[in-house]
Amino acid sequence: MPSQSFGTAGRGIVVQWAYIGSFTSGGGRGITVAAVDPETGAPAVRRSVGTVVNPSALALDPGTGVLYAVSDAEQGAVAAFRAGADGGLTALGPAVPAGGAGPTHLSVAGGRVLTANYGSGSVSSIGLAPDGSPSGPPVVLAHHGAGPDPDRQRGPHAHQVLPDPDGRWVLSVDLGTDAVRVCALDAATGALRVHSETALRAGSGPRHLAFHPDGEVVYVLHELEPQMTVCRWDAVSGVLVALAEVAIGPEGAPEGERVYPSVVSVSSDRRFVRAAVRGSNTILTWSVADDPEKPQLTGSVDCGGVWPRDLVADASGRWLYVVNEWSGDVTWFAVDAESGALRRGGSVEVPAAACLVFS
């Protein structure tokens, strides 16, 4: 993966590259490239690429180093870039249609790019050319159903799509229908076929999930009814089973205001689960060291900004980065290796920030 060494005080420091997507409709710069000092965790903005409208989700293919971005617009699209050693991005042709409206997430699986199309309530599968660029028409799987929330659940709203750790199954999280669908991906045609479906609490609005590194536990975060559902994952049968719900309180939110959890992540050392909560503008930490199926809340810290939309740890696990959309910044925290406690390191301005990935 691309990196760069800089001489500092007579010694070389390897700098990791961070790619930060932002909402151009809200004054964002598109994709911002930042060099991250591994000793301090500080990102330094180097350049921006503004050719994609609202790149609200990014995904880096670890095998090829190609960076993919969705265009979160009525006519959704996917763009691809080759990342250079200096962090620069070279477009691999024009963006291609995603086959749905308002895509909010994408991932790479089975030699294809997958998108979750929130606006149209569908997931798409797009082929890749030998150079990694998206190619050919998308194959679209429409979700069906609705939920009890009259404002947010009149129809399906796919919010996330990603492969399981074994790469055998594809899971899609639907906020509008209160469900997680498990799909099989046809390697020849790229078609997605629903294999099983897990119904979650009606009106809860599941938004995002993360796998525990053991591959057997999944944490599903809900946006409309603030909670996290702990699930057991069977990779052989392709079935997700809900086990327990963990409530997320409004602590820290203005009186009478709702909170809206946005993203959940699991630490690389397998010991902690963290979630970003908009409204209260907090980062919650649960310990799962004793039992991944029984999270124990250990701490809550201010996110360092307003409306935290993404939460990403660097490869070392020493630093945690919070992408704050409304305050337009990325705040980073030092992670205590023993307790998992977070200590604020600083922040860097990134207007209308939406997401972050590391090279």
Protein backbone atom coordinates (compact mmCIF):
# COMPACT_ATOMS: atom_id res chain seq x y z
CA MET A 1 0.00 0.00 0.00
CA PRO A 2 1.26 3.51 -0.70
CA SER A 3 3.18 5.24 2.06
CA GLN A 4 5.93 7.82 2.31
CA SER A 5 8.99 8.26 4.51
CA PHE A 6 10.03 11.66 5.78
CA GLY A 7 13.28 12.43 7.51
CA THR A 8 12.57 13.89 10.94
CA ALA A 9 15.31 14.60 13.46
CA GLY A 10 17.70 12.38 11.52
CA ARG A 11 15.40 9.39 11.24
CA GLY A 12 12.80 8.23 8.76
CA ILE A 13 9.13 8.29 9.75
CA VAL A 14 6.69 6.34 7.62
CA VAL A 15 3.59 8.42 6.99
CA GLN A 16 0.25 6.74 6.40
CA TRP A 17 -2.23 8.28 3.99
CA ALA A 18 -5.79 9.05 5.00
CA TYR A 19 -8.53 9.70 2.45
CA ILE A 20 -11.47 11.72 3.78
CA GLY A 21 -14.74 12.01 1.86
CA SER A 22 -17.02 15.01 2.31
CA PHE A 23 -20.33 16.40 1.12
CA THR A 24 -19.64 18.83 -1.73
CA SER A 25 -23.26 19.98 -1.47
CA GLY A 26 -22.43 21.16 2.07
CA GLY A 27 -19.22 22.96 1.17
CA GLY A 28 -16.91 19.94 1.30
CA ARG A 29 -13.85 19.54 -0.92
CA GLY A 30 -14.66 16.06 -2.22
CA ILE A 31 -11.87 13.65 -1.29
CA THR A 32 -9.22 15.17 0.97
CA VAL A 33 -5.79 13.52 1.16
CA ALA A 34 -3.93 13.79 4.48
CA ALA A 35 -0.56 12.47 5.61
CA VAL A 36 -0.74 10.92 9.08
CA ASP A 37 2.26 10.93 11.39
CA PRO A 38 2.22 7.56 13.19
CA GLU A 39 4.10 8.96 16.20
CA THR A 40 1.65 11.77 16.96
CA GLY A 41 -1.45 10.60 15.09
CA ALA A 42 -1.75 14.05 13.52
CA PRO A 43 -3.12 14.24 9.96
CA ALA A 44 -1.80 17.01 7.72
CA VAL A 45 -3.93 17.91 4.70
CA ARG A 46 -1.96 17.71 1.47
CA ARG A 47 -4.50 18.05 -1.34
CA SER A 48 -8.11 17.50 -2.39
CA VAL A 49 -9.85 15.94 -5.38
CA GLY A 50 -13.22 17.53 -6.07
CA THR A 51 -14.35 15.56 -9.11
CA VAL A 52 -16.91 13.40 -7.28
CA VAL A 53 -20.19 14.86 -6.02
CA ASN A 54 -20.78 13.99 -2.36
CA PRO A 55 -18.28 11.14 -1.85
CA SER A 56 -19.96 10.12 1.41
CA ALA A 57 -18.41 6.62 1.47
CA LEU A 58 -15.00 5.33 0.44
CA ALA A 59 -13.50 1.85 0.18
CA LEU A 60 -9.91 0.82 -0.51
CA ASP A 61 -9.27 -2.53 -2.17
CA PRO A 62 -6.34 -3.93 -0.14
CA GLY A 63 -5.31 -6.19 -3.01
CA THR A 64 -4.98 -3.54 -5.71
CA GLY A 65 -4.71 -0.28 -3.79
CA VAL A 66 -7.59 1.20 -5.80
CA LEU A 67 -9.78 3.69 -3.93
CA TYR A 68 -13.51 3.65 -4.67
CA ALA A 69 -15.97 6.44 -3.89
CA VAL A 70 -19.74 6.65 -4.14
CA SER A 71 -21.47 9.76 -5.35
CA ASP A 72 -24.31 10.21 -2.86
CA ALA A 73 -26.70 11.90 -5.28
CA GLU A 74 -30.08 11.24 -6.86
CA GLN A 75 -28.27 9.59 -9.76
CA GLY A 76 -25.82 7.56 -7.71
CA ALA A 77 -22.43 6.72 -9.15
CA VAL A 78 -19.11 5.03 -8.34
CA ALA A 79 -15.67 6.44 -9.14
CA ALA A 80 -12.26 4.77 -8.87
CA PHE A 81 -8.78 6.20 -8.27
CA ARG A 82 -5.26 4.84 -8.31
CA ALA A 83 -3.39 5.98 -5.19
CA GLY A 84 0.21 7.07 -5.72
CA ALA A 85 3.20 6.85 -3.39
CA ASP A 86 2.73 10.55 -2.58
CA GLY A 87 -0.92 10.04 -1.70
CA GLY A 88 -2.08 11.53 -4.98
CA LEU A 89 -5.16 10.13 -6.69
CA THR A 90 -5.44 9.42 -10.40
CA ALA A 91 -8.93 8.81 -11.76
CA LEU A 92 -9.45 5.47 -13.50
CA GLY A 93 -11.89 6.79 -16.06
CA PRO A 94 -15.23 8.50 -15.47
CA ALA A 95 -17.64 7.56 -12.70
CA VAL A 96 -20.21 4.90 -13.63
CA PRO A 97 -23.87 4.66 -12.58
CA ALA A 98 -24.52 2.81 -9.32
CA GLY A 99 -27.97 1.75 -10.41
CA GLY A 100 -29.68 3.43 -7.47
CA ALA A 101 -30.32 6.74 -5.73
CA GLY A 102 -28.39 8.14 -2.81
CA PRO A 103 -25.76 5.43 -2.22
CA THR A 104 -24.43 5.66 1.36
CA HIS A 105 -21.93 2.80 1.50
CA LEU A 106 -19.77 0.61 -0.71
CA SER A 107 -17.41 -2.33 -0.39
CA VAL A 108 -15.37 -4.67 -2.57
CA ALA A 109 -16.25 -8.37 -2.75
CA GLY A 110 -15.84 -11.16 -5.26
CA GLY A 111 -14.08 -8.96 -7.77
CA ARG A 112 -16.94 -6.46 -7.78
CA VAL A 113 -17.93 -3.18 -6.12
CA LEU A 114 -21.13 -3.30 -4.07
CA THR A 115 -23.18 -0.23 -3.16
CA ALA A 116 -26.01 0.31 -0.66
CA ASN A 117 -28.48 2.70 -2.28
CA TYR A 118 -30.37 4.41 0.53
CA GLY A 119 -32.69 6.51 -1.60
CA SER A 120 -33.95 3.70 -3.82
CA GLY A 121 -33.74 0.94 -1.20
CA SER A 122 -31.52 -1.41 -3.15
CA VAL A 123 -28.03 -2.86 -3.36
CA SER A 124 -25.96 -2.93 -6.54
CA SER A 125 -23.13 -5.09 -7.86
CA ILE A 126 -20.73 -3.56 -10.40
CA GLY A 127 -18.00 -5.41 -12.30
CA LEU A 128 -14.36 -4.37 -12.32
CA ALA A 129 -12.00 -4.10 -15.29
CA PRO A 130 -8.43 -5.49 -15.03
CA ASP A 131 -7.13 -2.06 -13.94
CA GLY A 132 -9.68 -1.93 -11.12
CA SER A 133 -12.03 0.56 -12.72
CA PRO A 134 -15.79 -0.13 -12.43
CA SER A 135 -17.08 -1.58 -15.67
CA GLY A 136 -20.38 -2.64 -17.18
CA PRO A 137 -23.97 -2.05 -16.08
CA PRO A 138 -24.83 -2.59 -12.40
CA VAL A 139 -26.81 -5.63 -11.32
CA VAL A 140 -29.42 -4.40 -8.85
CA LEU A 141 -31.23 -6.23 -6.06
CA ALA A 142 -34.25 -4.28 -4.83
CA HIS A 143 -35.24 -4.49 -1.17
CA HIS A 144 -38.91 -4.62 -0.25
CA GLY A 145 -40.88 -3.69 2.85
CA ALA A 146 -41.45 -0.81 5.25
CA GLY A 147 -41.35 0.04 8.93
CA PRO A 148 -43.57 1.84 11.47
CA ASP A 149 -41.76 5.20 11.39
CA PRO A 150 -43.88 7.34 9.00
CA ASP A 151 -41.05 9.75 8.25
CA ARG A 152 -38.11 7.40 7.78
CA GLN A 153 -39.54 3.97 6.99
CA ARG A 154 -42.14 4.32 4.26
CA GLY A 155 -40.02 2.00 2.16
CA PRO A 156 -36.66 0.23 2.14
CA HIS A 157 -33.46 2.21 2.75
CA ALA A 158 -30.33 0.11 2.35
CA HIS A 159 -27.61 1.85 4.34
CA GLN A 160 -24.64 -0.55 4.33
CA VAL A 161 -23.46 -3.54 2.30
CA LEU A 162 -20.36 -5.60 3.02
CA PRO A 163 -18.96 -9.13 2.76
CA ASP A 164 -18.56 -11.37 5.78
CA PRO A 165 -14.96 -12.10 6.92
CA ASP A 166 -14.81 -15.31 4.85
CA GLY A 167 -15.99 -13.53 1.73
CA ARG A 168 -18.70 -16.12 1.14
CA TRP A 169 -21.72 -13.99 1.97
CA VAL A 170 -22.80 -10.37 1.52
CA LEU A 171 -24.78 -8.63 4.28
CA SER A 172 -26.97 -5.58 3.67
CA VAL A 173 -28.36 -3.42 6.47
CA ASP A 174 -31.73 -1.81 5.76
CA LEU A 175 -32.87 1.10 7.94
CA GLY A 176 -36.29 1.27 6.31
CA THR A 177 -37.33 -2.34 6.83
CA ASP A 178 -35.61 -3.10 10.17
CA ALA A 179 -33.71 -6.02 8.69
CA VAL A 180 -30.31 -7.40 7.78
CA ARG A 181 -30.30 -9.48 4.60
CA VAL A 182 -27.71 -12.14 3.85
CA CYS A 183 -27.07 -12.58 0.14
CA ALA A 184 -25.14 -14.94 -2.07
CA LEU A 185 -23.07 -13.31 -4.82
CA ASP A 186 -22.99 -15.09 -8.17
CA ALA A 187 -19.38 -14.93 -9.34
CA ALA A 188 -20.32 -15.33 -12.99
CA THR A 189 -23.12 -12.79 -13.30
CA GLY A 190 -22.58 -10.55 -10.29
CA ALA A 191 -26.17 -11.03 -9.21
CA LEU A 192 -27.07 -10.92 -5.52
CA ARG A 193 -29.65 -13.40 -4.25
CA VAL A 194 -31.26 -13.16 -0.79
CA HIS A 195 -30.30 -16.25 1.20
CA SER A 196 -31.68 -15.35 4.64
CA GLU A 197 -33.11 -12.35 6.46
CA THR A 198 -32.92 -11.29 10.09
CA ALA A 199 -35.77 -9.14 11.38
CA LEU A 200 -34.80 -6.68 14.14
CA ARG A 201 -36.94 -4.58 16.46
CA ALA A 202 -39.66 -2.76 14.50
CA GLY A 203 -38.92 0.94 14.17
CA SER A 204 -35.32 0.61 15.34
CA GLY A 205 -33.76 1.54 11.99
CA PRO A 206 -30.58 -0.55 11.73
CA ARG A 207 -27.87 1.52 10.06
CA HIS A 208 -24.44 -0.08 10.39
CA LEU A 209 -22.82 -3.32 11.55
CA ALA A 210 -19.36 -4.58 12.40
CA PHE A 211 -17.94 -8.09 12.78
CA HIS A 212 -15.93 -9.11 15.81
CA PRO A 213 -12.56 -10.43 14.56
CA ASP A 214 -13.47 -13.93 15.69
CA GLY A 215 -16.01 -13.93 12.86
CA GLU A 216 -18.81 -15.31 15.02
CA VAL A 217 -20.30 -12.17 16.60
CA VAL A 218 -21.83 -9.16 14.86
CA TYR A 219 -22.78 -5.79 16.36
CA VAL A 220 -25.66 -3.99 14.62
CA LEU A 221 -26.12 -0.30 15.42
CA HIS A 222 -29.58 1.28 15.14
CA GLU A 223 -30.28 4.89 14.25
CA LEU A 224 -33.98 5.42 14.96
CA GLU A 225 -34.23 3.60 18.30
CA PRO A 226 -30.81 4.11 19.87
CA GLN A 227 -29.47 0.66 20.60
CA MET A 228 -26.96 -1.95 19.54
CA THR A 229 -28.04 -5.51 18.82
CA VAL A 230 -25.54 -8.28 19.50
CA CYS A 231 -25.90 -11.12 17.00
CA ARG A 232 -24.34 -14.52 16.41
CA TRP A 233 -23.08 -15.19 12.88
CA ASP A 234 -22.96 -18.67 11.34
CA ALA A 235 -20.66 -18.45 8.33
CA VAL A 236 -21.46 -21.98 7.22
CA SER A 237 -25.23 -21.63 7.03
CA GLY A 238 -25.21 -17.88 6.28
CA VAL A 239 -27.60 -17.06 9.11
CA LEU A 240 -27.51 -14.10 11.51
CA VAL A 241 -29.31 -14.55 14.86
CA ALA A 242 -30.11 -11.65 17.21
CA LEU A 243 -29.09 -12.41 20.81
CA ALA A 244 -29.44 -9.27 22.92
CA GLU A 245 -30.02 -5.51 22.77
CA VAL A 246 -27.79 -2.89 24.37
CA ALA A 247 -29.52 0.45 24.99
CA ILE A 248 -27.79 3.71 24.11
CA GLY A 249 -28.97 6.52 26.34
CA PRO A 250 -29.36 10.23 25.54
CA GLU A 251 -26.67 11.30 28.03
CA GLY A 252 -24.95 14.38 26.68
CA ALA A 253 -27.75 15.41 24.32
CA PRO A 254 -29.64 18.68 24.84
CA GLU A 255 -32.81 18.20 26.87
CA GLY A 256 -35.63 16.84 24.75
CA GLU A 257 -33.37 16.06 21.80
CA ARG A 258 -33.01 12.61 20.26
CA VAL A 259 -29.72 10.87 19.60
CA TYR A 260 -28.82 9.09 16.38
CA PRO A 261 -26.08 6.44 16.51
CA SER A 262 -24.10 6.38 13.28
CA VAL A 263 -21.30 3.82 13.18
CA VAL A 264 -19.90 0.91 15.21
CA SER A 265 -16.37 -0.51 15.12
CA VAL A 266 -14.36 -3.24 16.89
CA SER A 267 -10.76 -2.72 17.99
CA SER A 268 -8.13 -4.81 16.24
CA ASP A 269 -7.10 -6.34 19.59
CA ARG A 270 -10.67 -7.76 19.87
CA ARG A 271 -11.22 -6.21 23.30
CA PHE A 272 -13.41 -3.17 22.67
CA VAL A 273 -16.46 -2.11 20.71
CA ARG A 274 -17.04 1.58 20.01
CA ALA A 275 -19.94 3.57 18.61
CA ALA A 276 -20.37 7.18 17.51
CA VAL A 277 -23.58 8.87 18.61
CA ARG A 278 -24.89 12.00 16.91
CA GLY A 279 -26.98 14.39 18.99
CA SER A 280 -25.06 13.68 22.19
CA ASN A 281 -21.84 13.95 20.12
CA THR A 282 -20.20 11.16 22.07
CA ILE A 283 -18.05 8.09 21.51
CA LEU A 284 -19.08 5.10 23.63
CA THR A 285 -16.72 2.25 24.49
CA TRP A 286 -17.75 -1.24 25.61
CA SER A 287 -15.40 -3.97 26.77
CA VAL A 288 -15.92 -7.37 25.13
CA ALA A 289 -12.68 -8.91 26.40
CA ASP A 290 -14.46 -11.35 28.70
CA ASP A 291 -17.29 -12.26 26.33
CA PRO A 292 -17.89 -10.78 22.84
CA GLU A 293 -21.61 -11.48 23.27
CA LYS A 294 -21.87 -9.39 26.45
CA PRO A 295 -20.56 -5.83 25.97
CA GLN A 296 -19.86 -3.91 29.18
CA LEU A 297 -19.92 -0.11 28.93
CA THR A 298 -16.58 1.30 30.12
CA GLY A 299 -16.54 4.90 28.99
CA SER A 300 -17.99 7.83 27.08
CA VAL A 301 -16.09 10.83 25.70
CA ASP A 302 -17.00 13.94 23.75
CA CYS A 303 -16.35 13.35 20.04
CA GLY A 304 -14.47 16.63 19.71
CA GLY A 305 -16.97 18.12 17.27
CA VAL A 306 -20.58 17.97 16.15
CA TRP A 307 -22.47 15.10 14.47
CA PRO A 308 -19.89 12.26 14.37
CA ARG A 309 -20.53 10.31 11.17
CA ASP A 310 -17.57 7.93 10.98
CA LEU A 311 -15.19 6.24 13.41
CA VAL A 312 -11.94 4.65 12.20
CA ALA A 313 -8.85 3.28 13.94
CA ASP A 314 -5.46 3.25 12.26
CA ALA A 315 -3.72 -0.05 11.54
CA SER A 316 -1.69 0.08 14.76
CA GLY A 317 -4.75 0.60 16.95
CA ARG A 318 -2.97 3.44 18.74
CA TRP A 319 -5.14 6.16 17.25
CA LEU A 320 -8.88 6.56 16.74
CA TYR A 321 -10.27 9.10 14.27
CA VAL A 322 -13.75 10.64 14.48
CA VAL A 323 -15.24 12.28 11.39
CA ASN A 324 -17.51 15.13 12.52
CA GLU A 325 -19.83 16.26 9.74
CA TRP A 326 -21.50 19.38 11.09
CA SER A 327 -18.43 20.91 12.71
CA GLY A 328 -16.36 20.03 9.64
CA ASP A 329 -13.37 18.33 11.22
CA VAL A 330 -11.57 15.08 11.92
CA THR A 331 -10.64 14.66 15.58
CA TRP A 332 -8.14 12.05 16.69
CA PHE A 333 -7.71 10.29 20.03
CA ALA A 334 -4.87 8.32 21.58
CA VAL A 335 -6.06 4.87 22.67
CA ASP A 336 -4.83 3.48 25.98
CA ALA A 337 -3.60 -0.02 25.16
CA GLU A 338 -4.68 -1.48 28.48
CA SER A 339 -7.96 0.21 29.39
CA GLY A 340 -9.11 1.30 25.93
CA ALA A 341 -9.65 4.83 27.29
CA LEU A 342 -9.54 7.68 24.76
CA ARG A 343 -7.49 10.85 25.15
CA ARG A 344 -8.00 13.65 22.66
CA GLY A 345 -4.99 14.44 20.49
CA GLY A 346 -6.27 17.22 18.25
CA SER A 347 -8.33 17.95 15.16
CA VAL A 348 -7.95 19.05 11.56
CA GLU A 349 -10.46 21.04 9.51
CA VAL A 350 -12.30 19.11 6.80
CA PRO A 351 -15.57 20.88 5.87
CA ALA A 352 -18.70 18.65 5.70
CA ALA A 353 -16.61 15.57 6.48
CA ALA A 354 -18.39 12.23 5.96
CA CYS A 355 -15.97 9.27 6.01
CA LEU A 356 -12.35 8.19 6.26
CA VAL A 357 -10.22 5.28 5.07
CA PHE A 358 -6.50 4.57 5.47
CA SER A 359 -4.10 3.29 2.84
